[in-house]
Amino acid sequence: MAKISVVILCAGMSTRMGEDKTFLEFNGEKAIELILRKAKKCKIADMIIVAGKNKQKIKEITNLEKIAINEKTKLRSLSIKKGLSLIKEGNGCLIWPIDYPLVKTKTIKAITSKHIHDHVVCPRSNKKGGHPILIGSNLINDLKKISSDAPLNNWVRRQKKISLEVQDDWINYEMNNPDEYFKAKKINESS
């Protein structure tokens, strides 16, 4: 079985949300705790968080040592590059933005089970792509060369892909404002 790392992207400013998405709560768990718990359930042992000004609070909550820093929050691909610099050599990498903490564990297992060294695994639900995506181990060095201000999507389009259909609307549910958060929280609590 292929070794997989996870890079959790938490360096954003969460301006539209009005509070840091990393610490939003769902049934008593913070978004970062949910993602880490799901990653552990999927046997992902190499976990990296990319933080910004929230580094200290993330460290206190998670006790993780592998925390990369990106204080240039407008450069999203810089966060990816900083996270990739800490993954174990030869691992594939799940890129998981903090905006998607409610993705189901079975979806993560399905994504990681499809790892192919020279492909990107892109989950889809209801004909829409979503997150997290899995970068094949042979593609990591190429992704490290991406321009810090280039969208990840542009790089992904040039790669061989596996489009994985999943039954999980949470892969498409990005929370950018309080209304989206409260709606997600309500749906999650009722399921």
C-alpha atoms as a PDB file:
ATOM      1  CA  MET A   1       0.000   0.000   0.000  1.00  0.00           C
ATOM      2  CA  ALA A   2       1.297   3.460  -0.903  1.00  0.00           C
ATOM      3  CA  LYS A   3       2.356   5.852   1.820  1.00  0.00           C
ATOM      4  CA  ILE A   4       0.306   9.035   1.971  1.00  0.00           C
ATOM      5  CA  SER A   5       0.946  12.363   3.695  1.00  0.00           C
ATOM      6  CA  VAL A   6      -1.699  15.009   4.271  1.00  0.00           C
ATOM      7  CA  VAL A   7      -1.110  18.735   3.973  1.00  0.00           C
ATOM      8  CA  ILE A   8      -3.898  20.665   5.699  1.00  0.00           C
ATOM      9  CA  LEU A   9      -4.143  24.247   4.466  1.00  0.00           C
ATOM     10  CA  CYS A  10      -5.004  26.630   7.343  1.00  0.00           C
ATOM     11  CA  ALA A  11      -3.078  29.813   6.521  1.00  0.00           C
ATOM     12  CA  GLY A  12      -5.957  31.832   5.057  1.00  0.00           C
ATOM     13  CA  MET A  13      -7.334  34.974   6.663  1.00  0.00           C
ATOM     14  CA  SER A  14     -10.995  33.791   6.753  1.00  0.00           C
ATOM     15  CA  THR A  15     -11.997  37.401   6.089  1.00  0.00           C
ATOM     16  CA  ARG A  16     -15.521  36.656   4.822  1.00  0.00           C
ATOM     17  CA  MET A  17     -16.114  34.214   7.680  1.00  0.00           C
ATOM     18  CA  GLY A  18     -15.114  36.788  10.269  1.00  0.00           C
ATOM     19  CA  GLU A  19     -13.287  34.167  12.364  1.00  0.00           C
ATOM     20  CA  ASP A  20     -10.615  31.565  11.670  1.00  0.00           C
ATOM     21  CA  LYS A  21     -12.171  28.534   9.898  1.00  0.00           C
ATOM     22  CA  THR A  22      -9.545  26.314  11.519  1.00  0.00           C
ATOM     23  CA  PHE A  23     -11.337  26.600  14.849  1.00  0.00           C
ATOM     24  CA  LEU A  24     -14.999  26.423  13.741  1.00  0.00           C
ATOM     25  CA  GLU A  25     -16.829  23.825  15.821  1.00  0.00           C
ATOM     26  CA  PHE A  26     -18.902  20.859  14.698  1.00  0.00           C
ATOM     27  CA  ASN A  27     -20.430  18.700  17.426  1.00  0.00           C
ATOM     28  CA  GLY A  28     -17.792  19.863  19.900  1.00  0.00           C
ATOM     29  CA  GLU A  29     -14.798  19.324  17.594  1.00  0.00           C
ATOM     30  CA  LYS A  30     -12.851  22.047  15.859  1.00  0.00           C
ATOM     31  CA  ALA A  31     -12.468  21.790  12.064  1.00  0.00           C
ATOM     32  CA  ILE A  32      -8.741  21.012  12.402  1.00  0.00           C
ATOM     33  CA  GLU A  33      -9.461  18.254  14.946  1.00  0.00           C
ATOM     34  CA  LEU A  34     -12.071  16.702  12.629  1.00  0.00           C
ATOM     35  CA  ILE A  35      -9.655  16.561   9.712  1.00  0.00           C
ATOM     36  CA  LEU A  36      -6.838  15.113  11.828  1.00  0.00           C
ATOM     37  CA  ARG A  37      -9.153  12.462  13.316  1.00  0.00           C
ATOM     38  CA  LYS A  38     -10.355  11.417   9.854  1.00  0.00           C
ATOM     39  CA  ALA A  39      -6.794  11.286   8.521  1.00  0.00           C
ATOM     40  CA  LYS A  40      -5.757   9.046  11.435  1.00  0.00           C
ATOM     41  CA  LYS A  41      -8.726   6.734  10.779  1.00  0.00           C
ATOM     42  CA  CYS A  42      -7.468   6.418   7.209  1.00  0.00           C
ATOM     43  CA  LYS A  43      -4.005   5.404   8.451  1.00  0.00           C
ATOM     44  CA  ILE A  44      -2.346   8.625   7.313  1.00  0.00           C
ATOM     45  CA  ALA A  45       0.530   8.979   9.724  1.00  0.00           C
ATOM     46  CA  ASP A  46       2.433  11.871   8.132  1.00  0.00           C
ATOM     47  CA  MET A  47       0.392  14.996   8.886  1.00  0.00           C
ATOM     48  CA  ILE A  48       1.461  18.528   8.041  1.00  0.00           C
ATOM     49  CA  ILE A  49      -0.429  21.731   8.738  1.00  0.00           C
ATOM     50  CA  VAL A  50       0.267  24.981   6.921  1.00  0.00           C
ATOM     51  CA  ALA A  51      -0.576  27.827   9.271  1.00  0.00           C
ATOM     52  CA  GLY A  52      -0.394  31.588   9.193  1.00  0.00           C
ATOM     53  CA  LYS A  53      -0.865  33.868  12.150  1.00  0.00           C
ATOM     54  CA  ASN A  54      -2.796  31.038  13.840  1.00  0.00           C
ATOM     55  CA  LYS A  55       0.332  28.876  14.268  1.00  0.00           C
ATOM     56  CA  GLN A  56       0.545  29.021  18.055  1.00  0.00           C
ATOM     57  CA  LYS A  57      -3.109  28.145  18.618  1.00  0.00           C
ATOM     58  CA  ILE A  58      -2.907  25.293  16.083  1.00  0.00           C
ATOM     59  CA  LYS A  59       0.186  23.931  17.815  1.00  0.00           C
ATOM     60  CA  GLU A  60      -1.545  24.077  21.228  1.00  0.00           C
ATOM     61  CA  ILE A  61      -4.636  22.243  19.938  1.00  0.00           C
ATOM     62  CA  THR A  62      -2.941  19.600  17.777  1.00  0.00           C
ATOM     63  CA  ASN A  63       0.471  19.039  19.385  1.00  0.00           C
ATOM     64  CA  LEU A  64       1.827  18.476  15.863  1.00  0.00           C
ATOM     65  CA  GLU A  65       5.443  19.285  15.161  1.00  0.00           C
ATOM     66  CA  LYS A  66       5.134  19.503  11.386  1.00  0.00           C
ATOM     67  CA  ILE A  67       3.699  22.978  10.963  1.00  0.00           C
ATOM     68  CA  ALA A  68       4.796  25.080   8.002  1.00  0.00           C
ATOM     69  CA  ILE A  69       4.209  28.828   7.996  1.00  0.00           C
ATOM     70  CA  ASN A  70       2.783  30.977   5.192  1.00  0.00           C
ATOM     71  CA  GLU A  71       2.113  34.538   6.251  1.00  0.00           C
ATOM     72  CA  LYS A  72       1.689  35.629   2.607  1.00  0.00           C
ATOM     73  CA  THR A  73      -1.907  34.444   2.621  1.00  0.00           C
ATOM     74  CA  LYS A  74      -2.769  35.743  -0.849  1.00  0.00           C
ATOM     75  CA  LEU A  75      -0.284  33.237  -2.292  1.00  0.00           C
ATOM     76  CA  ARG A  76      -2.280  30.014  -1.857  1.00  0.00           C
ATOM     77  CA  SER A  77       0.109  27.841  -3.832  1.00  0.00           C
ATOM     78  CA  LEU A  78       2.891  29.020  -1.546  1.00  0.00           C
ATOM     79  CA  SER A  79       1.029  27.233   1.280  1.00  0.00           C
ATOM     80  CA  ILE A  80       1.029  24.038  -0.767  1.00  0.00           C
ATOM     81  CA  LYS A  81       4.741  24.368  -1.524  1.00  0.00           C
ATOM     82  CA  LYS A  82       5.588  24.984   2.128  1.00  0.00           C
ATOM     83  CA  GLY A  83       3.550  21.934   3.173  1.00  0.00           C
ATOM     84  CA  LEU A  84       5.133  19.729   0.503  1.00  0.00           C
ATOM     85  CA  SER A  85       8.587  20.679   1.761  1.00  0.00           C
ATOM     86  CA  LEU A  86       7.808  18.732   4.961  1.00  0.00           C
ATOM     87  CA  ILE A  87       6.311  15.504   3.599  1.00  0.00           C
ATOM     88  CA  LYS A  88       8.179  12.227   3.730  1.00  0.00           C
ATOM     89  CA  GLU A  89      10.142  11.459   0.572  1.00  0.00           C
ATOM     90  CA  GLY A  90       8.294   9.055  -1.727  1.00  0.00           C
ATOM     91  CA  ASN A  91       4.832   9.708  -0.242  1.00  0.00           C
ATOM     92  CA  GLY A  92       1.773  10.733  -2.175  1.00  0.00           C
ATOM     93  CA  CYS A  93       0.039  13.782  -0.731  1.00  0.00           C
ATOM     94  CA  LEU A  94      -3.549  14.603   0.109  1.00  0.00           C
ATOM     95  CA  ILE A  95      -4.066  18.380  -0.177  1.00  0.00           C
ATOM     96  CA  TRP A  96      -6.891  19.208   2.241  1.00  0.00           C
ATOM     97  CA  PRO A  97      -8.087  22.811   2.642  1.00  0.00           C
ATOM     98  CA  ILE A  98      -9.556  23.595   6.082  1.00  0.00           C
ATOM     99  CA  ASP A  99     -12.750  24.702   4.277  1.00  0.00           C
ATOM    100  CA  TYR A 100     -13.770  21.033   3.912  1.00  0.00           C
ATOM    101  CA  PRO A 101     -13.744  19.467   7.397  1.00  0.00           C
ATOM    102  CA  LEU A 102     -16.974  17.523   6.894  1.00  0.00           C
ATOM    103  CA  VAL A 103     -15.753  15.298   4.050  1.00  0.00           C
ATOM    104  CA  LYS A 104     -16.624  11.739   5.062  1.00  0.00           C
ATOM    105  CA  THR A 105     -13.946   9.326   6.254  1.00  0.00           C
ATOM    106  CA  LYS A 106     -15.082   6.765   3.666  1.00  0.00           C
ATOM    107  CA  THR A 107     -14.447   9.375   0.951  1.00  0.00           C
ATOM    108  CA  ILE A 108     -10.881   9.880   2.179  1.00  0.00           C
ATOM    109  CA  LYS A 109     -10.371   6.089   2.198  1.00  0.00           C
ATOM    110  CA  ALA A 110     -11.713   5.893  -1.366  1.00  0.00           C
ATOM    111  CA  ILE A 111      -9.429   8.700  -2.552  1.00  0.00           C
ATOM    112  CA  THR A 112      -6.279   7.314  -0.917  1.00  0.00           C
ATOM    113  CA  SER A 113      -7.002   3.786  -2.177  1.00  0.00           C
ATOM    114  CA  LYS A 114      -6.739   5.084  -5.760  1.00  0.00           C
ATOM    115  CA  HIS A 115      -3.194   6.451  -5.374  1.00  0.00           C
ATOM    116  CA  ILE A 116      -1.153   6.002  -8.529  1.00  0.00           C
ATOM    117  CA  HIS A 117       2.345   7.480  -8.475  1.00  0.00           C
ATOM    118  CA  ASP A 118       1.948   9.637 -11.602  1.00  0.00           C
ATOM    119  CA  HIS A 119      -1.721  10.686 -11.320  1.00  0.00           C
ATOM    120  CA  VAL A 120      -3.852  13.163  -9.401  1.00  0.00           C
ATOM    121  CA  VAL A 121      -7.008  11.699  -7.824  1.00  0.00           C
ATOM    122  CA  CYS A 122      -9.851  14.207  -8.029  1.00  0.00           C
ATOM    123  CA  PRO A 123     -13.096  13.391  -6.209  1.00  0.00           C
ATOM    124  CA  ARG A 124     -16.413  14.305  -7.846  1.00  0.00           C
ATOM    125  CA  SER A 125     -19.926  14.409  -6.475  1.00  0.00           C
ATOM    126  CA  ASN A 126     -22.993  15.316  -8.536  1.00  0.00           C
ATOM    127  CA  LYS A 127     -20.752  16.039 -11.555  1.00  0.00           C
ATOM    128  CA  LYS A 128     -18.724  18.628  -9.610  1.00  0.00           C
ATOM    129  CA  GLY A 129     -15.104  18.317  -8.586  1.00  0.00           C
ATOM    130  CA  GLY A 130     -14.119  18.909  -4.999  1.00  0.00           C
ATOM    131  CA  HIS A 131     -11.569  18.525  -2.228  1.00  0.00           C
ATOM    132  CA  PRO A 132      -9.347  17.078  -0.978  1.00  0.00           C
ATOM    133  CA  ILE A 133      -7.272  15.911  -3.931  1.00  0.00           C
ATOM    134  CA  LEU A 134      -4.475  13.355  -3.885  1.00  0.00           C
ATOM    135  CA  ILE A 135      -1.191  14.069  -5.637  1.00  0.00           C
ATOM    136  CA  GLY A 136       0.714  10.996  -6.797  1.00  0.00           C
ATOM    137  CA  SER A 137       4.173  10.549  -5.278  1.00  0.00           C
ATOM    138  CA  ASN A 138       5.997  10.987  -8.611  1.00  0.00           C
ATOM    139  CA  LEU A 139       4.331  14.384  -9.129  1.00  0.00           C
ATOM    140  CA  ILE A 140       5.375  15.980  -5.837  1.00  0.00           C
ATOM    141  CA  ASN A 141       8.667  17.441  -7.068  1.00  0.00           C
ATOM    142  CA  ASP A 142       6.946  18.983 -10.094  1.00  0.00           C
ATOM    143  CA  LEU A 143       4.236  20.513  -7.905  1.00  0.00           C
ATOM    144  CA  LYS A 144       6.918  22.045  -5.666  1.00  0.00           C
ATOM    145  CA  LYS A 145       7.945  24.134  -8.713  1.00  0.00           C
ATOM    146  CA  ILE A 146       4.513  25.761  -9.156  1.00  0.00           C
ATOM    147  CA  SER A 147       4.505  29.546  -9.052  1.00  0.00           C
ATOM    148  CA  SER A 148       3.441  30.708  -5.599  1.00  0.00           C
ATOM    149  CA  ASP A 149       0.657  32.832  -7.058  1.00  0.00           C
ATOM    150  CA  ALA A 150      -0.583  30.277  -9.620  1.00  0.00           C
ATOM    151  CA  PRO A 151      -3.842  28.451  -8.896  1.00  0.00           C
ATOM    152  CA  LEU A 152      -3.389  24.754  -8.118  1.00  0.00           C
ATOM    153  CA  ASN A 153      -6.184  24.030 -10.596  1.00  0.00           C
ATOM    154  CA  ASN A 154      -3.972  25.176 -13.509  1.00  0.00           C
ATOM    155  CA  TRP A 155      -1.293  22.670 -12.530  1.00  0.00           C
ATOM    156  CA  VAL A 156      -3.826  19.857 -11.985  1.00  0.00           C
ATOM    157  CA  ARG A 157      -5.294  20.351 -15.490  1.00  0.00           C
ATOM    158  CA  ARG A 158      -1.932  19.414 -17.026  1.00  0.00           C
ATOM    159  CA  GLN A 159      -1.639  16.122 -15.100  1.00  0.00           C
ATOM    160  CA  LYS A 160      -2.996  12.638 -15.684  1.00  0.00           C
ATOM    161  CA  LYS A 161      -6.080  12.351 -13.509  1.00  0.00           C
ATOM    162  CA  ILE A 162      -8.353   9.810 -11.958  1.00  0.00           C
ATOM    163  CA  SER A 163     -11.817  11.267 -11.584  1.00  0.00           C
ATOM    164  CA  LEU A 164     -13.376   9.455  -8.632  1.00  0.00           C
ATOM    165  CA  GLU A 165     -17.150   9.645  -8.243  1.00  0.00           C
ATOM    166  CA  VAL A 166     -18.112   9.681  -4.557  1.00  0.00           C
ATOM    167  CA  GLN A 167     -21.403   9.984  -2.684  1.00  0.00           C
ATOM    168  CA  ASP A 168     -20.318  12.918  -0.553  1.00  0.00           C
ATOM    169  CA  ASP A 169     -21.638  16.435  -1.124  1.00  0.00           C
ATOM    170  CA  TRP A 170     -19.202  17.755   1.498  1.00  0.00           C
ATOM    171  CA  ILE A 171     -16.355  17.627  -1.058  1.00  0.00           C
ATOM    172  CA  ASN A 172     -18.044  20.597  -2.790  1.00  0.00           C
ATOM    173  CA  TYR A 173     -19.239  22.462   0.294  1.00  0.00           C
ATOM    174  CA  GLU A 174     -16.799  25.279   0.908  1.00  0.00           C
ATOM    175  CA  MET A 175     -17.579  27.450   3.922  1.00  0.00           C
ATOM    176  CA  ASN A 176     -16.714  31.081   3.290  1.00  0.00           C
ATOM    177  CA  ASN A 177     -19.183  33.007   5.429  1.00  0.00           C
ATOM    178  CA  PRO A 178     -21.197  32.577   8.639  1.00  0.00           C
ATOM    179  CA  ASP A 179     -24.405  31.596   6.790  1.00  0.00           C
ATOM    180  CA  GLU A 180     -22.616  28.726   5.004  1.00  0.00           C
ATOM    181  CA  TYR A 181     -21.050  27.632   8.298  1.00  0.00           C
ATOM    182  CA  PHE A 182     -24.332  27.621  10.243  1.00  0.00           C
ATOM    183  CA  LYS A 183     -26.067  25.765   7.402  1.00  0.00           C
ATOM    184  CA  ALA A 184     -23.282  23.135   7.336  1.00  0.00           C
ATOM    185  CA  LYS A 185     -23.367  22.838  11.113  1.00  0.00           C
ATOM    186  CA  LYS A 186     -27.129  22.299  11.088  1.00  0.00           C
ATOM    187  CA  ILE A 187     -26.974  19.657   8.314  1.00  0.00           C
ATOM    188  CA  ASN A 188     -24.092  17.890  10.046  1.00  0.00           C
ATOM    189  CA  GLU A 189     -25.873  17.797  13.407  1.00  0.00           C
ATOM    190  CA  SER A 190     -29.010  16.320  11.853  1.00  0.00           C
ATOM    191  CA  SER A 191     -27.168  13.539   9.990  1.00  0.00           C
END
